[in-house]
């Protein structure tokens, strides 16, 4: 059952999966912190209940700014944090090399968690080190945001795919334990291959609270196929997993009306629907349409 309408951060970061020029234009439109804040405020007015974002410095700057200038908005939204911002680490690896990047990350973990890091290193507990890394990324945001409003920390799709590809079940269980027990928030996974993820979770008897995955009438980024993805979404939703639908507008190839019509077919098994924009008016209008179509039907 749909409970949340979320604004996503991709347009703020200049991310468009279909067109680099479109992404560049969107990013320039939301270049200033107040411009981004106005989008979130307008979305809230239209019925948006939360913000889903990656741990990019742009979001840290935005949320720090909003906590000072618009605390009433920050207090009303729920938050879904995607960790890590994978593209940032890829760029850093290109600059420093893989070994240099690893040293930088480990140095940061040791600085933040000296005792835990030493224990993990001495016992060769690399899964524990990975948990500390997730904590290091998350804590910057947990210090800013109301803790009761942070609903989930989700692993970026790159980590999800690595876990499945190399069958890193122990790592997944450790990360899940750390996020739920140590950080005290819900744990989830982002994927663009929900069919494979559903199979992996079933085979390893693992249940996660949240799964974030593309959902749109074109089947864009839905794998292995649109039909198999839809079947997996229904299965996971019926088992109690909270599905967060992303890429709902297929990077602008689908209208909000078309997206609403499609998502209505799944409103009993999805928990949240996300969309992105840099325009305040569109943020409000899209929120109103999604709210009327998916939320108010349950009230």
Protein backbone atom coordinates (compact mmCIF):
# COMPACT_ATOMS: atom_id res chain seq x y z
CA UNK A 1 0.00 0.00 0.00
CA UNK A 2 1.46 3.36 -1.02
CA UNK A 3 2.38 5.42 2.04
CA UNK A 4 5.01 7.83 0.74
CA UNK A 5 5.52 10.22 -2.17
CA UNK A 6 9.22 11.06 -2.41
CA UNK A 7 11.32 13.62 -4.21
CA UNK A 8 14.57 12.23 -5.59
CA UNK A 9 17.91 13.98 -5.93
CA UNK A 10 19.04 12.96 -9.44
CA UNK A 11 18.12 16.28 -11.11
CA UNK A 12 20.02 18.17 -8.39
CA UNK A 13 23.12 16.14 -9.26
CA UNK A 14 22.76 16.51 -13.02
CA UNK A 15 21.83 12.86 -13.50
CA UNK A 16 19.60 11.90 -16.42
CA UNK A 17 19.80 8.35 -17.68
CA UNK A 18 18.68 9.32 -21.18
CA UNK A 19 20.32 12.65 -22.00
CA UNK A 20 23.48 14.36 -20.76
CA UNK A 21 22.34 17.74 -22.11
CA UNK A 22 19.01 17.46 -20.30
CA UNK A 23 20.90 16.64 -17.11
CA UNK A 24 23.20 19.63 -17.55
CA UNK A 25 20.25 21.99 -18.01
CA UNK A 26 18.43 20.58 -14.98
CA UNK A 27 21.51 20.90 -12.80
CA UNK A 28 22.01 24.55 -13.82
CA UNK A 29 18.37 25.32 -12.99
CA UNK A 30 18.89 24.07 -9.44
CA UNK A 31 22.41 25.40 -9.01
CA UNK A 32 21.72 27.43 -5.86
CA UNK A 33 20.85 26.01 -2.46
CA UNK A 34 17.73 28.15 -2.19
CA UNK A 35 16.62 26.96 -5.64
CA UNK A 36 16.86 23.35 -4.47
CA UNK A 37 15.14 24.20 -1.20
CA UNK A 38 12.26 25.79 -3.12
CA UNK A 39 11.72 22.51 -4.97
CA UNK A 40 11.47 20.58 -1.71
CA UNK A 41 9.15 23.19 -0.20
CA UNK A 42 6.88 23.13 -3.26
CA UNK A 43 6.82 19.34 -3.23
CA UNK A 44 5.85 19.36 0.43
CA UNK A 45 2.98 21.73 -0.35
CA UNK A 46 1.75 19.29 -3.00
CA UNK A 47 1.86 16.25 -0.74
CA UNK A 48 5.45 15.00 -0.85
CA UNK A 49 6.25 13.14 2.36
CA UNK A 50 9.97 12.49 1.97
CA UNK A 51 13.30 12.93 0.20
CA UNK A 52 15.46 10.11 -1.14
CA UNK A 53 19.07 10.97 -1.86
CA UNK A 54 22.63 9.69 -2.19
CA UNK A 55 25.55 10.76 -0.02
CA UNK A 56 26.83 13.34 -2.48
CA UNK A 57 28.32 16.57 -1.07
CA UNK A 58 25.55 18.51 -2.87
CA UNK A 59 22.98 16.87 -0.60
CA UNK A 60 25.06 17.44 2.52
CA UNK A 61 25.32 21.14 1.68
CA UNK A 62 21.60 21.32 0.87
CA UNK A 63 20.46 19.64 4.08
CA UNK A 64 22.84 21.68 6.23
CA UNK A 65 21.47 24.82 4.58
CA UNK A 66 17.86 23.76 5.03
CA UNK A 67 18.38 22.82 8.67
CA UNK A 68 19.46 26.42 9.26
CA UNK A 69 17.16 28.32 6.90
CA UNK A 70 14.11 26.04 6.61
CA UNK A 71 14.02 23.82 9.72
CA UNK A 72 10.23 23.51 9.48
CA UNK A 73 10.60 21.75 6.10
CA UNK A 74 13.35 19.43 7.34
CA UNK A 75 11.16 18.46 10.30
CA UNK A 76 8.22 17.43 8.10
CA UNK A 77 10.00 15.14 5.61
CA UNK A 78 11.04 11.51 5.90
CA UNK A 79 14.46 10.49 4.55
CA UNK A 80 15.77 7.53 2.59
CA UNK A 81 19.56 7.57 2.23
CA UNK A 82 21.37 5.75 -0.57
CA UNK A 83 24.94 4.74 0.32
CA UNK A 84 27.51 5.20 -1.07
CA UNK A 85 27.49 7.75 -3.89
CA UNK A 86 29.25 5.26 -6.16
CA UNK A 87 30.09 7.65 -9.01
CA UNK A 88 32.08 9.78 -6.59
CA UNK A 89 34.31 6.86 -5.66
CA UNK A 90 34.78 5.93 -9.31
CA UNK A 91 36.00 9.47 -10.03
CA UNK A 92 38.33 9.38 -7.03
CA UNK A 93 39.71 6.03 -8.17
CA UNK A 94 40.48 7.59 -11.55
CA UNK A 95 42.47 10.32 -9.79
CA UNK A 96 44.20 8.40 -6.99
CA UNK A 97 44.09 4.87 -8.36
CA UNK A 98 42.28 1.96 -6.70
CA UNK A 99 44.95 1.46 -4.05
CA UNK A 100 45.07 5.16 -3.27
CA UNK A 101 41.29 5.28 -2.95
CA UNK A 102 41.29 2.26 -0.61
CA UNK A 103 43.92 3.91 1.58
CA UNK A 104 41.88 7.12 1.74
CA UNK A 105 38.70 5.26 2.73
CA UNK A 106 40.45 3.12 5.34
CA UNK A 107 42.20 6.20 6.77
CA UNK A 108 38.80 7.85 7.17
CA UNK A 109 37.33 4.79 8.90
CA UNK A 110 40.27 4.52 11.31
CA UNK A 111 39.99 8.23 12.16
CA UNK A 112 36.26 7.93 12.93
CA UNK A 113 36.35 4.48 14.61
CA UNK A 114 39.91 3.79 15.86
CA UNK A 115 39.10 0.97 18.31
CA UNK A 116 36.59 -0.85 16.10
CA UNK A 117 38.90 -0.49 13.09
CA UNK A 118 41.87 -1.97 14.94
CA UNK A 119 39.78 -4.88 16.21
CA UNK A 120 38.41 -5.55 12.72
CA UNK A 121 41.88 -5.44 11.18
CA UNK A 122 43.42 -7.73 13.79
CA UNK A 123 40.65 -10.29 13.37
CA UNK A 124 40.55 -9.87 9.57
CA UNK A 125 36.86 -8.99 9.88
CA UNK A 126 36.48 -7.13 6.59
CA UNK A 127 32.69 -7.35 6.77
CA UNK A 128 32.89 -5.30 9.94
CA UNK A 129 35.11 -2.73 8.21
CA UNK A 130 32.48 -2.44 5.48
CA UNK A 131 29.87 -1.72 8.15
CA UNK A 132 32.04 1.00 9.63
CA UNK A 133 32.36 2.53 6.16
CA UNK A 134 28.57 2.63 5.81
CA UNK A 135 28.34 4.22 9.25
CA UNK A 136 30.97 6.81 8.35
CA UNK A 137 28.98 7.82 5.25
CA UNK A 138 25.65 7.89 7.08
CA UNK A 139 26.68 9.74 10.22
CA UNK A 140 27.27 13.03 8.39
CA UNK A 141 23.55 13.07 7.58
CA UNK A 142 22.29 11.51 10.79
CA UNK A 143 23.80 14.46 12.67
CA UNK A 144 21.70 16.90 10.63
CA UNK A 145 18.38 15.14 10.19
CA UNK A 146 15.74 14.31 12.83
CA UNK A 147 16.58 10.69 13.70
CA UNK A 148 12.96 9.60 13.83
CA UNK A 149 12.54 10.90 10.28
CA UNK A 150 15.35 8.79 8.79
CA UNK A 151 13.38 5.76 7.65
CA UNK A 152 16.02 3.76 5.79
CA UNK A 153 19.58 3.41 4.62
CA UNK A 154 19.80 1.56 1.32
CA UNK A 155 22.85 0.09 -0.36
CA UNK A 156 23.58 1.59 -3.78
CA UNK A 157 22.87 -0.76 -6.68
CA UNK A 158 26.62 -1.23 -7.29
CA UNK A 159 27.02 -2.85 -3.86
CA UNK A 160 23.82 -4.84 -4.30
CA UNK A 161 25.03 -6.28 -7.60
CA UNK A 162 28.46 -7.11 -6.14
CA UNK A 163 26.86 -8.91 -3.21
CA UNK A 164 24.74 -11.01 -5.56
CA UNK A 165 27.51 -11.64 -8.11
CA UNK A 166 30.01 -12.88 -5.52
CA UNK A 167 27.44 -14.37 -3.13
CA UNK A 168 28.59 -12.15 -0.25
CA UNK A 169 25.81 -13.30 2.05
CA UNK A 170 27.80 -12.79 5.25
CA UNK A 171 28.58 -9.23 4.22
CA UNK A 172 24.91 -8.52 3.50
CA UNK A 173 23.84 -9.92 6.87
CA UNK A 174 26.50 -7.87 8.67
CA UNK A 175 25.51 -4.64 6.90
CA UNK A 176 21.85 -5.32 7.65
CA UNK A 177 22.64 -5.96 11.32
CA UNK A 178 24.77 -2.83 11.59
CA UNK A 179 22.21 -0.50 10.01
CA UNK A 180 19.26 -1.90 11.97
CA UNK A 181 20.92 -2.41 15.35
CA UNK A 182 23.76 0.11 15.48
CA UNK A 183 22.25 2.97 13.50
CA UNK A 184 18.66 2.18 14.43
CA UNK A 185 17.06 2.66 11.01
CA UNK A 186 15.53 0.43 8.35
CA UNK A 187 17.81 -1.39 5.91
CA UNK A 188 17.27 -1.71 2.19
CA UNK A 189 18.77 -2.47 -1.20
CA UNK A 190 18.66 -0.62 -4.50
CA UNK A 191 18.63 -2.73 -7.65
CA UNK A 192 17.94 -2.54 -11.36
CA UNK A 193 17.56 -6.32 -11.48
CA UNK A 194 14.81 -7.02 -9.00
CA UNK A 195 14.08 -10.40 -10.56
CA UNK A 196 17.56 -11.62 -9.67
CA UNK A 197 17.47 -9.94 -6.26
CA UNK A 198 14.20 -11.62 -5.34
CA UNK A 199 15.70 -14.99 -6.28
CA UNK A 200 18.89 -14.27 -4.30
CA UNK A 201 17.00 -13.25 -1.16
CA UNK A 202 14.77 -16.31 -1.37
CA UNK A 203 17.67 -18.73 -1.83
CA UNK A 204 19.54 -17.27 1.14
CA UNK A 205 16.49 -16.84 3.37
CA UNK A 206 17.11 -13.11 3.82
CA UNK A 207 14.39 -10.50 4.16
CA UNK A 208 15.14 -6.79 3.92
CA UNK A 209 12.72 -4.08 4.92
CA UNK A 210 13.10 -1.94 1.77
CA UNK A 211 13.87 -2.53 -1.90
CA UNK A 212 14.28 0.42 -4.29
CA UNK A 213 13.82 -0.38 -7.97
CA UNK A 214 12.73 1.21 -11.29
CA UNK A 215 9.04 1.02 -12.17
CA UNK A 216 7.55 2.62 -15.28
CA UNK A 217 5.21 1.65 -18.14
CA UNK A 218 8.09 1.44 -20.63
CA UNK A 219 9.96 -1.17 -18.61
CA UNK A 220 12.96 1.17 -18.67
CA UNK A 221 15.76 -0.20 -16.43
CA UNK A 222 13.48 -3.02 -15.23
CA UNK A 223 15.33 -6.35 -15.41
CA UNK A 224 15.56 -9.14 -16.37
CA UNK A 225 12.41 -8.04 -18.23
CA UNK A 226 9.45 -5.80 -17.45
CA UNK A 227 7.20 -8.80 -16.82
CA UNK A 228 9.70 -10.61 -14.59
CA UNK A 229 10.40 -7.42 -12.66
CA UNK A 230 6.69 -6.85 -12.07
CA UNK A 231 6.28 -10.43 -10.83
CA UNK A 232 9.21 -10.00 -8.42
CA UNK A 233 7.80 -6.69 -7.17
CA UNK A 234 4.46 -8.35 -6.41
CA UNK A 235 6.13 -11.28 -4.65
CA UNK A 236 8.34 -9.09 -2.48
CA UNK A 237 5.52 -6.68 -1.70
CA UNK A 238 3.19 -9.49 -0.68
CA UNK A 239 5.89 -10.81 1.68
CA UNK A 240 6.06 -7.45 3.44
CA UNK A 241 9.04 -5.84 1.73
CA UNK A 242 8.49 -2.11 1.29
CA UNK A 243 9.01 -1.38 -2.42
CA UNK A 244 10.22 2.10 -3.38
CA UNK A 245 9.51 2.82 -7.05
CA UNK A 246 12.13 4.99 -8.79
CA UNK A 247 12.67 6.09 -12.41
CA UNK A 248 8.89 6.32 -12.54
CA UNK A 249 9.02 8.88 -15.36
CA UNK A 250 11.71 6.96 -17.29
CA UNK A 251 13.96 10.06 -17.35
CA UNK A 252 11.19 12.15 -18.88
CA UNK A 253 10.02 9.67 -21.53
CA UNK A 254 6.79 9.05 -19.58
CA UNK A 255 4.27 11.68 -18.47
CA UNK A 256 3.19 11.90 -14.86
CA UNK A 257 -0.33 10.89 -15.91
CA UNK A 258 1.01 7.75 -17.63
CA UNK A 259 3.12 6.95 -14.58
CA UNK A 260 0.14 7.31 -12.24
CA UNK A 261 -2.00 5.02 -14.38
CA UNK A 262 0.73 2.37 -14.40
CA UNK A 263 1.57 2.61 -10.70
CA UNK A 264 -2.10 2.31 -9.73
CA UNK A 265 -1.84 -1.33 -10.83
CA UNK A 266 0.70 -1.94 -8.05
CA UNK A 267 -0.51 0.39 -5.31
CA UNK A 268 -1.32 -2.53 -3.01
CA UNK A 269 2.26 -3.85 -3.06
CA UNK A 270 4.46 -0.73 -3.25
CA UNK A 271 5.30 1.48 -0.29
CA UNK A 272 6.66 4.63 -1.90
CA UNK A 273 6.90 6.37 -5.26
CA UNK A 274 9.77 8.73 -6.13
CA UNK A 275 10.14 11.34 -8.86
CA UNK A 276 12.59 14.14 -9.55
CA UNK A 277 12.49 17.67 -10.91
CA UNK A 278 14.29 21.00 -10.59
CA UNK A 279 11.14 23.08 -11.08
CA UNK A 280 9.10 24.06 -7.98
CA UNK A 281 5.82 24.26 -9.90
CA UNK A 282 6.32 20.80 -11.38
CA UNK A 283 7.34 19.44 -7.99
CA UNK A 284 4.02 20.58 -6.55
CA UNK A 285 1.89 19.54 -9.53
CA UNK A 286 3.42 16.06 -9.75
CA UNK A 287 3.03 15.57 -6.01
CA UNK A 288 -0.65 16.51 -6.20
CA UNK A 289 -1.28 14.07 -9.06
CA UNK A 290 0.57 11.21 -7.35
CA UNK A 291 -1.12 11.91 -4.02
CA UNK A 292 -4.61 11.99 -5.53
CA UNK A 293 -3.95 8.87 -7.58
CA UNK A 294 -2.09 6.69 -5.08
CA UNK A 295 -2.47 7.97 -1.54
CA UNK A 296 -5.94 9.37 -1.09
CA UNK A 297 -7.56 6.25 -2.46
CA UNK A 298 -6.47 4.53 0.76
CA UNK A 299 -7.81 7.19 3.12
